[in-house]
Amino acid sequence: MSVTKKDVEYIAKLARLRFNDDELENFTHELNEILNYVEKLNELNTDNVEPLSHPIENVNVFREDILKPSIDREEALKNAPSSTEEFFKVPKVINK
């Protein structure tokens, strides 16, 4: 399968692009080179090759989710400049 100059003009029209004659010739040549490469890849024997979901085998690098005791609420609030029994108090930052 090869691409003609008319095919490139049609593709350019669909993409709403304008090319001069030199650019059309260049794109025709480049698209044909790409198609030739794909044809060469189609010649490869892939009968015994298993499909991949990803080209690189990744290993889970995340740690296990282990429940640990947290800092006590009183301990967390003791150094706060202003707090209630349960929360930090902060100045209002949004005005109407």
PDB file of N, CA and C in Angstrom:
ATOM      1  N   MET A   1       0.850  -1.181   0.000  1.00  0.00           N
ATOM      2  CA  MET A   1       0.000   0.000   0.000  1.00  0.00           C
ATOM      3  C   MET A   1       0.886   1.232   0.000  1.00  0.00           C
ATOM      4  N   SER A   2       0.560   2.174  -0.841  1.00  0.00           N
ATOM      5  CA  SER A   2       1.329   3.413  -0.878  1.00  0.00           C
ATOM      6  C   SER A   2       0.373   4.602  -0.893  1.00  0.00           C
ATOM      7  N   VAL A   3       0.920   5.709  -0.492  1.00  0.00           N
ATOM      8  CA  VAL A   3       0.153   6.956  -0.418  1.00  0.00           C
ATOM      9  C   VAL A   3       0.518   7.809  -1.622  1.00  0.00           C
ATOM     10  N   THR A   4      -0.486   8.377  -2.260  1.00  0.00           N
ATOM     11  CA  THR A   4      -0.237   9.256  -3.402  1.00  0.00           C
ATOM     12  C   THR A   4      -0.328  10.709  -2.937  1.00  0.00           C
ATOM     13  N   LYS A   5       0.085  11.583  -3.809  1.00  0.00           N
ATOM     14  CA  LYS A   5      -0.002  13.019  -3.505  1.00  0.00           C
ATOM     15  C   LYS A   5      -1.456  13.426  -3.296  1.00  0.00           C
ATOM     16  N   LYS A   6      -2.349  12.798  -4.055  1.00  0.00           N
ATOM     17  CA  LYS A   6      -3.777  13.090  -3.916  1.00  0.00           C
ATOM     18  C   LYS A   6      -4.283  12.669  -2.530  1.00  0.00           C
ATOM     19  N   ASP A   7      -3.776  11.533  -2.007  1.00  0.00           N
ATOM     20  CA  ASP A   7      -4.145  11.087  -0.661  1.00  0.00           C
ATOM     21  C   ASP A   7      -3.691  12.093   0.394  1.00  0.00           C
ATOM     22  N   VAL A   8      -2.479  12.601   0.236  1.00  0.00           N
ATOM     23  CA  VAL A   8      -1.953  13.583   1.195  1.00  0.00           C
ATOM     24  C   VAL A   8      -2.772  14.868   1.133  1.00  0.00           C
ATOM     25  N   GLU A   9      -3.168  15.277  -0.059  1.00  0.00           N
ATOM     26  CA  GLU A   9      -4.011  16.474  -0.189  1.00  0.00           C
ATOM     27  C   GLU A   9      -5.348  16.259   0.527  1.00  0.00           C
ATOM     28  N   TYR A  10      -5.915  15.043   0.395  1.00  0.00           N
ATOM     29  CA  TYR A  10      -7.181  14.735   1.048  1.00  0.00           C
ATOM     30  C   TYR A  10      -7.032  14.745   2.574  1.00  0.00           C
ATOM     31  N   ILE A  11      -5.965  14.140   3.067  1.00  0.00           N
ATOM     32  CA  ILE A  11      -5.708  14.136   4.515  1.00  0.00           C
ATOM     33  C   ILE A  11      -5.510  15.556   5.023  1.00  0.00           C
ATOM     34  N   ALA A  12      -4.772  16.365   4.277  1.00  0.00           N
ATOM     35  CA  ALA A  12      -4.545  17.756   4.671  1.00  0.00           C
ATOM     36  C   ALA A  12      -5.868  18.519   4.700  1.00  0.00           C
ATOM     37  N   LYS A  13      -6.730  18.237   3.741  1.00  0.00           N
ATOM     38  CA  LYS A  13      -8.039  18.909   3.701  1.00  0.00           C
ATOM     39  C   LYS A  13      -8.863  18.522   4.930  1.00  0.00           C
ATOM     40  N   LEU A  14      -8.856  17.238   5.291  1.00  0.00           N
ATOM     41  CA  LEU A  14      -9.581  16.789   6.480  1.00  0.00           C
ATOM     42  C   LEU A  14      -9.048  17.446   7.757  1.00  0.00           C
ATOM     43  N   ALA A  15      -7.739  17.644   7.793  1.00  0.00           N
ATOM     44  CA  ALA A  15      -7.106  18.265   8.957  1.00  0.00           C
ATOM     45  C   ALA A  15      -7.109  19.792   8.869  1.00  0.00           C
ATOM     46  N   ARG A  16      -7.690  20.289   7.785  1.00  0.00           N
ATOM     47  CA  ARG A  16      -7.740  21.739   7.534  1.00  0.00           C
ATOM     48  C   ARG A  16      -6.343  22.365   7.550  1.00  0.00           C
ATOM     49  N   LEU A  17      -5.450  21.709   6.809  1.00  0.00           N
ATOM     50  CA  LEU A  17      -4.079  22.188   6.660  1.00  0.00           C
ATOM     51  C   LEU A  17      -3.830  22.515   5.195  1.00  0.00           C
ATOM     52  N   ARG A  18      -2.948  23.461   4.983  1.00  0.00           N
ATOM     53  CA  ARG A  18      -2.570  23.815   3.617  1.00  0.00           C
ATOM     54  C   ARG A  18      -1.065  23.637   3.468  1.00  0.00           C
ATOM     55  N   PHE A  19      -0.687  22.968   2.368  1.00  0.00           N
ATOM     56  CA  PHE A  19       0.719  22.734   2.093  1.00  0.00           C
ATOM     57  C   PHE A  19       1.021  23.154   0.668  1.00  0.00           C
ATOM     58  N   ASN A  20       2.248  23.615   0.452  1.00  0.00           N
ATOM     59  CA  ASN A  20       2.661  23.907  -0.921  1.00  0.00           C
ATOM     60  C   ASN A  20       3.102  22.597  -1.578  1.00  0.00           C
ATOM     61  N   ASP A  21       3.445  22.652  -2.859  1.00  0.00           N
ATOM     62  CA  ASP A  21       3.775  21.433  -3.608  1.00  0.00           C
ATOM     63  C   ASP A  21       4.984  20.696  -3.036  1.00  0.00           C
ATOM     64  N   ASP A  22       6.003  21.451  -2.596  1.00  0.00           N
ATOM     65  CA  ASP A  22       7.188  20.804  -2.023  1.00  0.00           C
ATOM     66  C   ASP A  22       6.825  20.046  -0.742  1.00  0.00           C
ATOM     67  N   GLU A  23       5.992  20.667   0.101  1.00  0.00           N
ATOM     68  CA  GLU A  23       5.583  20.014   1.348  1.00  0.00           C
ATOM     69  C   GLU A  23       4.737  18.776   1.060  1.00  0.00           C
ATOM     70  N   LEU A  24       3.861  18.859   0.054  1.00  0.00           N
ATOM     71  CA  LEU A  24       3.046  17.695  -0.315  1.00  0.00           C
ATOM     72  C   LEU A  24       3.925  16.531  -0.775  1.00  0.00           C
ATOM     73  N   GLU A  25       4.922  16.841  -1.583  1.00  0.00           N
ATOM     74  CA  GLU A  25       5.852  15.799  -2.039  1.00  0.00           C
ATOM     75  C   GLU A  25       6.603  15.195  -0.857  1.00  0.00           C
ATOM     76  N   ASN A  26       7.047  16.060   0.052  1.00  0.00           N
ATOM     77  CA  ASN A  26       7.800  15.605   1.216  1.00  0.00           C
ATOM     78  C   ASN A  26       6.927  14.703   2.109  1.00  0.00           C
ATOM     79  N   PHE A  27       5.695  15.119   2.372  1.00  0.00           N
ATOM     80  CA  PHE A  27       4.803  14.317   3.216  1.00  0.00           C
ATOM     81  C   PHE A  27       4.435  12.993   2.533  1.00  0.00           C
ATOM     82  N   THR A  28       4.266  13.025   1.224  1.00  0.00           N
ATOM     83  CA  THR A  28       3.979  11.792   0.491  1.00  0.00           C
ATOM     84  C   THR A  28       5.123  10.800   0.665  1.00  0.00           C
ATOM     85  N   HIS A  29       6.329  11.292   0.524  1.00  0.00           N
ATOM     86  CA  HIS A  29       7.518  10.438   0.695  1.00  0.00           C
ATOM     87  C   HIS A  29       7.601   9.913   2.132  1.00  0.00           C
ATOM     88  N   GLU A  30       7.403  10.781   3.116  1.00  0.00           N
ATOM     89  CA  GLU A  30       7.517  10.383   4.521  1.00  0.00           C
ATOM     90  C   GLU A  30       6.444   9.371   4.906  1.00  0.00           C
ATOM     91  N   LEU A  31       5.209   9.584   4.457  1.00  0.00           N
ATOM     92  CA  LEU A  31       4.145   8.637   4.767  1.00  0.00           C
ATOM     93  C   LEU A  31       4.413   7.274   4.125  1.00  0.00           C
ATOM     94  N   ASN A  32       4.948   7.278   2.929  1.00  0.00           N
ATOM     95  CA  ASN A  32       5.295   6.012   2.283  1.00  0.00           C
ATOM     96  C   ASN A  32       6.427   5.299   3.020  1.00  0.00           C
ATOM     97  N   GLU A  33       7.385   6.049   3.533  1.00  0.00           N
ATOM     98  CA  GLU A  33       8.463   5.453   4.330  1.00  0.00           C
ATOM     99  C   GLU A  33       7.899   4.813   5.602  1.00  0.00           C
ATOM    100  N   ILE A  34       6.954   5.478   6.246  1.00  0.00           N
ATOM    101  CA  ILE A  34       6.322   4.935   7.458  1.00  0.00           C
ATOM    102  C   ILE A  34       5.579   3.649   7.121  1.00  0.00           C
ATOM    103  N   LEU A  35       4.810   3.661   6.046  1.00  0.00           N
ATOM    104  CA  LEU A  35       4.070   2.463   5.639  1.00  0.00           C
ATOM    105  C   LEU A  35       5.009   1.319   5.274  1.00  0.00           C
ATOM    106  N   ASN A  36       6.140   1.619   4.640  1.00  0.00           N
ATOM    107  CA  ASN A  36       7.125   0.579   4.325  1.00  0.00           C
ATOM    108  C   ASN A  36       7.686  -0.039   5.601  1.00  0.00           C
ATOM    109  N   TYR A  37       7.920   0.790   6.601  1.00  0.00           N
ATOM    110  CA  TYR A  37       8.434   0.289   7.877  1.00  0.00           C
ATOM    111  C   TYR A  37       7.399  -0.610   8.556  1.00  0.00           C
ATOM    112  N   VAL A  38       6.144  -0.212   8.512  1.00  0.00           N
ATOM    113  CA  VAL A  38       5.076  -1.027   9.108  1.00  0.00           C
ATOM    114  C   VAL A  38       4.974  -2.358   8.370  1.00  0.00           C
ATOM    115  N   GLU A  39       5.084  -2.328   7.074  1.00  0.00           N
ATOM    116  CA  GLU A  39       5.060  -3.573   6.304  1.00  0.00           C
ATOM    117  C   GLU A  39       6.220  -4.478   6.708  1.00  0.00           C
ATOM    118  N   LYS A  40       7.377  -3.893   6.954  1.00  0.00           N
ATOM    119  CA  LYS A  40       8.532  -4.675   7.383  1.00  0.00           C
ATOM    120  C   LYS A  40       8.252  -5.298   8.754  1.00  0.00           C
ATOM    121  N   LEU A  41       7.588  -4.559   9.642  1.00  0.00           N
ATOM    122  CA  LEU A  41       7.241  -5.104  10.955  1.00  0.00           C
ATOM    123  C   LEU A  41       6.230  -6.230  10.833  1.00  0.00           C
ATOM    124  N   ASN A  42       5.326  -6.143   9.860  1.00  0.00           N
ATOM    125  CA  ASN A  42       4.334  -7.195   9.659  1.00  0.00           C
ATOM    126  C   ASN A  42       4.965  -8.508   9.219  1.00  0.00           C
ATOM    127  N   GLU A  43       6.197  -8.477   8.719  1.00  0.00           N
ATOM    128  CA  GLU A  43       6.878  -9.689   8.286  1.00  0.00           C
ATOM    129  C   GLU A  43       7.426 -10.491   9.456  1.00  0.00           C
ATOM    130  N   LEU A  44       7.502  -9.893  10.638  1.00  0.00           N
ATOM    131  CA  LEU A  44       8.056 -10.588  11.801  1.00  0.00           C
ATOM    132  C   LEU A  44       7.147 -11.728  12.235  1.00  0.00           C
ATOM    133  N   ASN A  45       7.775 -12.823  12.664  1.00  0.00           N
ATOM    134  CA  ASN A  45       7.030 -13.964  13.162  1.00  0.00           C
ATOM    135  C   ASN A  45       6.761 -13.740  14.656  1.00  0.00           C
ATOM    136  N   THR A  46       5.503 -13.558  14.993  1.00  0.00           N
ATOM    137  CA  THR A  46       5.126 -13.308  16.386  1.00  0.00           C
ATOM    138  C   THR A  46       4.230 -14.419  16.924  1.00  0.00           C
ATOM    139  N   ASP A  47       4.355 -15.613  16.377  1.00  0.00           N
ATOM    140  CA  ASP A  47       3.503 -16.728  16.792  1.00  0.00           C
ATOM    141  C   ASP A  47       3.693 -17.102  18.257  1.00  0.00           C
ATOM    142  N   ASN A  48       4.921 -17.149  18.725  1.00  0.00           N
ATOM    143  CA  ASN A  48       5.195 -17.593  20.094  1.00  0.00           C
ATOM    144  C   ASN A  48       5.462 -16.438  21.053  1.00  0.00           C
ATOM    145  N   VAL A  49       5.041 -15.250  20.692  1.00  0.00           N
ATOM    146  CA  VAL A  49       5.255 -14.078  21.545  1.00  0.00           C
ATOM    147  C   VAL A  49       3.966 -13.773  22.294  1.00  0.00           C
ATOM    148  N   GLU A  50       4.067 -13.738  23.618  1.00  0.00           N
ATOM    149  CA  GLU A  50       2.882 -13.437  24.426  1.00  0.00           C
ATOM    150  C   GLU A  50       2.620 -11.940  24.418  1.00  0.00           C
ATOM    151  N   PRO A  51       1.356 -11.542  24.358  1.00  0.00           N
ATOM    152  CA  PRO A  51       1.040 -10.115  24.375  1.00  0.00           C
ATOM    153  C   PRO A  51       1.370  -9.488  25.724  1.00  0.00           C
ATOM    154  N   LEU A  52       1.729  -8.223  25.696  1.00  0.00           N
ATOM    155  CA  LEU A  52       2.075  -7.488  26.907  1.00  0.00           C
ATOM    156  C   LEU A  52       1.013  -6.438  27.207  1.00  0.00           C
ATOM    157  N   SER A  53       0.789  -6.200  28.475  1.00  0.00           N
ATOM    158  CA  SER A  53      -0.084  -5.086  28.838  1.00  0.00           C
ATOM    159  C   SER A  53       0.742  -3.813  28.967  1.00  0.00           C
ATOM    160  N   HIS A  54       2.044  -3.979  29.180  1.00  0.00           N
ATOM    161  CA  HIS A  54       2.959  -2.846  29.322  1.00  0.00           C
ATOM    162  C   HIS A  54       4.341  -3.328  28.887  1.00  0.00           C
ATOM    163  N   PRO A  55       5.108  -2.508  28.178  1.00  0.00           N
ATOM    164  CA  PRO A  55       6.392  -2.987  27.676  1.00  0.00           C
ATOM    165  C   PRO A  55       7.443  -3.236  28.753  1.00  0.00           C
ATOM    166  N   ILE A  56       7.248  -2.663  29.928  1.00  0.00           N
ATOM    167  CA  ILE A  56       8.212  -2.824  31.016  1.00  0.00           C
ATOM    168  C   ILE A  56       7.498  -3.523  32.168  1.00  0.00           C
ATOM    169  N   GLU A  57       8.115  -4.575  32.695  1.00  0.00           N
ATOM    170  CA  GLU A  57       7.507  -5.258  33.834  1.00  0.00           C
ATOM    171  C   GLU A  57       7.747  -4.436  35.083  1.00  0.00           C
ATOM    172  N   ASN A  58       6.672  -3.982  35.683  1.00  0.00           N
ATOM    173  CA  ASN A  58       6.770  -3.188  36.901  1.00  0.00           C
ATOM    174  C   ASN A  58       6.441  -4.045  38.109  1.00  0.00           C
ATOM    175  N   VAL A  59       7.076  -3.695  39.215  1.00  0.00           N
ATOM    176  CA  VAL A  59       6.811  -4.356  40.481  1.00  0.00           C
ATOM    177  C   VAL A  59       6.190  -3.315  41.388  1.00  0.00           C
ATOM    178  N   ASN A  60       5.231  -3.718  42.178  1.00  0.00           N
ATOM    179  CA  ASN A  60       4.589  -2.784  43.090  1.00  0.00           C
ATOM    180  C   ASN A  60       5.631  -2.232  44.068  1.00  0.00           C
ATOM    181  N   VAL A  61       5.828  -0.927  44.045  1.00  0.00           N
ATOM    182  CA  VAL A  61       6.827  -0.309  44.905  1.00  0.00           C
ATOM    183  C   VAL A  61       6.197   0.347  46.135  1.00  0.00           C
ATOM    184  N   PHE A  62       4.885   0.227  46.264  1.00  0.00           N
ATOM    185  CA  PHE A  62       4.217   0.826  47.408  1.00  0.00           C
ATOM    186  C   PHE A  62       4.347  -0.084  48.623  1.00  0.00           C
ATOM    187  N   ARG A  63       4.410   0.514  49.777  1.00  0.00           N
ATOM    188  CA  ARG A  63       4.512  -0.268  51.010  1.00  0.00           C
ATOM    189  C   ARG A  63       3.152  -0.840  51.362  1.00  0.00           C
ATOM    190  N   GLU A  64       3.157  -1.819  52.212  1.00  0.00           N
ATOM    191  CA  GLU A  64       1.918  -2.392  52.702  1.00  0.00           C
ATOM    192  C   GLU A  64       1.198  -1.359  53.559  1.00  0.00           C
ATOM    193  N   ASP A  65      -0.101  -1.387  53.536  1.00  0.00           N
ATOM    194  CA  ASP A  65      -0.909  -0.487  54.347  1.00  0.00           C
ATOM    195  C   ASP A  65      -1.027  -1.075  55.746  1.00  0.00           C
ATOM    196  N   ILE A  66      -0.190  -0.589  56.659  1.00  0.00           N
ATOM    197  CA  ILE A  66      -0.180  -1.107  58.023  1.00  0.00           C
ATOM    198  C   ILE A  66      -0.734  -0.028  58.940  1.00  0.00           C
ATOM    199  N   LEU A  67      -1.709  -0.397  59.732  1.00  0.00           N
ATOM    200  CA  LEU A  67      -2.333   0.530  60.658  1.00  0.00           C
ATOM    201  C   LEU A  67      -1.398   0.777  61.835  1.00  0.00           C
ATOM    202  N   LYS A  68      -1.094   2.052  62.093  1.00  0.00           N
ATOM    203  CA  LYS A  68      -0.223   2.428  63.201  1.00  0.00           C
ATOM    204  C   LYS A  68      -0.963   3.429  64.069  1.00  0.00           C
ATOM    205  N   PRO A  69      -0.647   3.456  65.341  1.00  0.00           N
ATOM    206  CA  PRO A  69      -1.293   4.455  66.193  1.00  0.00           C
ATOM    207  C   PRO A  69      -0.844   5.860  65.799  1.00  0.00           C
ATOM    208  N   SER A  70      -1.783   6.799  65.857  1.00  0.00           N
ATOM    209  CA  SER A  70      -1.504   8.174  65.480  1.00  0.00           C
ATOM    210  C   SER A  70      -1.196   8.987  66.731  1.00  0.00           C
ATOM    211  N   ILE A  71      -0.820  10.234  66.540  1.00  0.00           N
ATOM    212  CA  ILE A  71      -0.566  11.130  67.661  1.00  0.00           C
ATOM    213  C   ILE A  71      -1.887  11.424  68.364  1.00  0.00           C
ATOM    214  N   ASP A  72      -1.833  11.497  69.661  1.00  0.00           N
ATOM    215  CA  ASP A  72      -3.016  11.778  70.455  1.00  0.00           C
ATOM    216  C   ASP A  72      -3.517  13.191  70.153  1.00  0.00           C
ATOM    217  N   ARG A  73      -4.832  13.376  70.162  1.00  0.00           N
ATOM    218  CA  ARG A  73      -5.422  14.678  69.850  1.00  0.00           C
ATOM    219  C   ARG A  73      -4.913  15.764  70.799  1.00  0.00           C
ATOM    220  N   GLU A  74      -4.871  15.482  72.083  1.00  0.00           N
ATOM    221  CA  GLU A  74      -4.398  16.478  73.055  1.00  0.00           C
ATOM    222  C   GLU A  74      -2.959  16.860  72.774  1.00  0.00           C
ATOM    223  N   GLU A  75      -2.139  15.873  72.410  1.00  0.00           N
ATOM    224  CA  GLU A  75      -0.731  16.129  72.094  1.00  0.00           C
ATOM    225  C   GLU A  75      -0.613  17.015  70.854  1.00  0.00           C
ATOM    226  N   ALA A  76      -1.445  16.779  69.855  1.00  0.00           N
ATOM    227  CA  ALA A  76      -1.406  17.568  68.623  1.00  0.00           C
ATOM    228  C   ALA A  76      -1.844  19.002  68.877  1.00  0.00           C
ATOM    229  N   LEU A  77      -2.822  19.213  69.739  1.00  0.00           N
ATOM    230  CA  LEU A  77      -3.376  20.545  69.973  1.00  0.00           C
ATOM    231  C   LEU A  77      -2.624  21.344  71.028  1.00  0.00           C
ATOM    232  N   LYS A  78      -1.724  20.729  71.772  1.00  0.00           N
ATOM    233  CA  LYS A  78      -1.114  21.433  72.902  1.00  0.00           C
ATOM    234  C   LYS A  78      -0.243  22.616  72.481  1.00  0.00           C
ATOM    235  N   ASN A  79       0.370  22.589  71.308  1.00  0.00           N
ATOM    236  CA  ASN A  79       1.213  23.698  70.855  1.00  0.00           C
ATOM    237  C   ASN A  79       0.496  24.666  69.918  1.00  0.00           C
ATOM    238  N   ALA A  80      -0.804  24.449  69.696  1.00  0.00           N
ATOM    239  CA  ALA A  80      -1.553  25.329  68.807  1.00  0.00           C
ATOM    240  C   ALA A  80      -1.781  26.674  69.492  1.00  0.00           C
ATOM    241  N   PRO A  81      -1.633  27.787  68.753  1.00  0.00           N
ATOM    242  CA  PRO A  81      -1.870  29.092  69.361  1.00  0.00           C
ATOM    243  C   PRO A  81      -3.319  29.253  69.812  1.00  0.00           C
ATOM    244  N   SER A  82      -4.244  28.607  69.084  1.00  0.00           N
ATOM    245  CA  SER A  82      -5.648  28.701  69.442  1.00  0.00           C
ATOM    246  C   SER A  82      -6.336  27.412  69.024  1.00  0.00           C
ATOM    247  N   SER A  83      -7.133  26.849  69.926  1.00  0.00           N
ATOM    248  CA  SER A  83      -7.806  25.604  69.604  1.00  0.00           C
ATOM    249  C   SER A  83      -9.047  25.440  70.464  1.00  0.00           C
ATOM    250  N   THR A  84      -9.920  24.533  70.045  1.00  0.00           N
ATOM    251  CA  THR A  84     -11.050  24.116  70.875  1.00  0.00           C
ATOM    252  C   THR A  84     -10.648  22.763  71.451  1.00  0.00           C
ATOM    253  N   GLU A  85     -11.608  22.046  71.980  1.00  0.00           N
ATOM    254  CA  GLU A  85     -11.270  20.743  72.538  1.00  0.00           C
ATOM    255  C   GLU A  85     -10.899  19.736  71.453  1.00  0.00           C
ATOM    256  N   GLU A  86     -11.384  19.951  70.228  1.00  0.00           N
ATOM    257  CA  GLU A  86     -11.154  18.970  69.156  1.00  0.00           C
ATOM    258  C   GLU A  86     -10.417  19.508  67.937  1.00  0.00           C
ATOM    259  N   PHE A  87     -10.398  20.841  67.722  1.00  0.00           N
ATOM    260  CA  PHE A  87      -9.913  21.383  66.450  1.00  0.00           C
ATOM    261  C   PHE A  87      -8.926  22.521  66.660  1.00  0.00           C
ATOM    262  N   PHE A  88      -8.099  22.758  65.618  1.00  0.00           N
ATOM    263  CA  PHE A  88      -7.271  23.954  65.551  1.00  0.00           C
ATOM    264  C   PHE A  88      -8.177  25.115  65.183  1.00  0.00           C
ATOM    265  N   LYS A  89      -7.954  26.282  65.780  1.00  0.00           N
ATOM    266  CA  LYS A  89      -8.685  27.487  65.376  1.00  0.00           C
ATOM    267  C   LYS A  89      -7.733  28.335  64.540  1.00  0.00           C
ATOM    268  N   VAL A  90      -8.211  28.747  63.377  1.00  0.00           N
ATOM    269  CA  VAL A  90      -7.380  29.553  62.474  1.00  0.00           C
ATOM    270  C   VAL A  90      -8.152  30.815  62.114  1.00  0.00           C
ATOM    271  N   PRO A  91      -7.435  31.882  61.757  1.00  0.00           N
ATOM    272  CA  PRO A  91      -8.140  33.107  61.369  1.00  0.00           C
ATOM    273  C   PRO A  91      -8.903  32.904  60.070  1.00  0.00           C
ATOM    274  N   LYS A  92      -9.974  33.640  59.913  1.00  0.00           N
ATOM    275  CA  LYS A  92     -10.780  33.589  58.708  1.00  0.00           C
ATOM    276  C   LYS A  92      -9.963  34.151  57.535  1.00  0.00           C
ATOM    277  N   VAL A  93      -9.933  33.434  56.423  1.00  0.00           N
ATOM    278  CA  VAL A  93      -9.126  33.858  55.280  1.00  0.00           C
ATOM    279  C   VAL A  93      -9.973  34.207  54.074  1.00  0.00           C
ATOM    280  N   ILE A  94     -11.264  33.911  54.106  1.00  0.00           N
ATOM    281  CA  ILE A  94     -12.145  34.202  52.961  1.00  0.00           C
ATOM    282  C   ILE A  94     -13.145  35.263  53.389  1.00  0.00           C
ATOM    283  N   ASN A  95     -13.190  36.361  52.651  1.00  0.00           N
ATOM    284  CA  ASN A  95     -14.140  37.433  52.911  1.00  0.00           C
ATOM    285  C   ASN A  95     -15.265  37.355  51.915  1.00  0.00           C
ATOM    286  N   LYS A  96     -16.413  37.833  52.322  1.00  0.00           N
ATOM    287  CA  LYS A  96     -17.553  37.842  51.393  1.00  0.00           C
ATOM    288  C   LYS A  96     -17.478  39.006  50.445  1.00  0.00           C
TER     289      LYS A  96
END
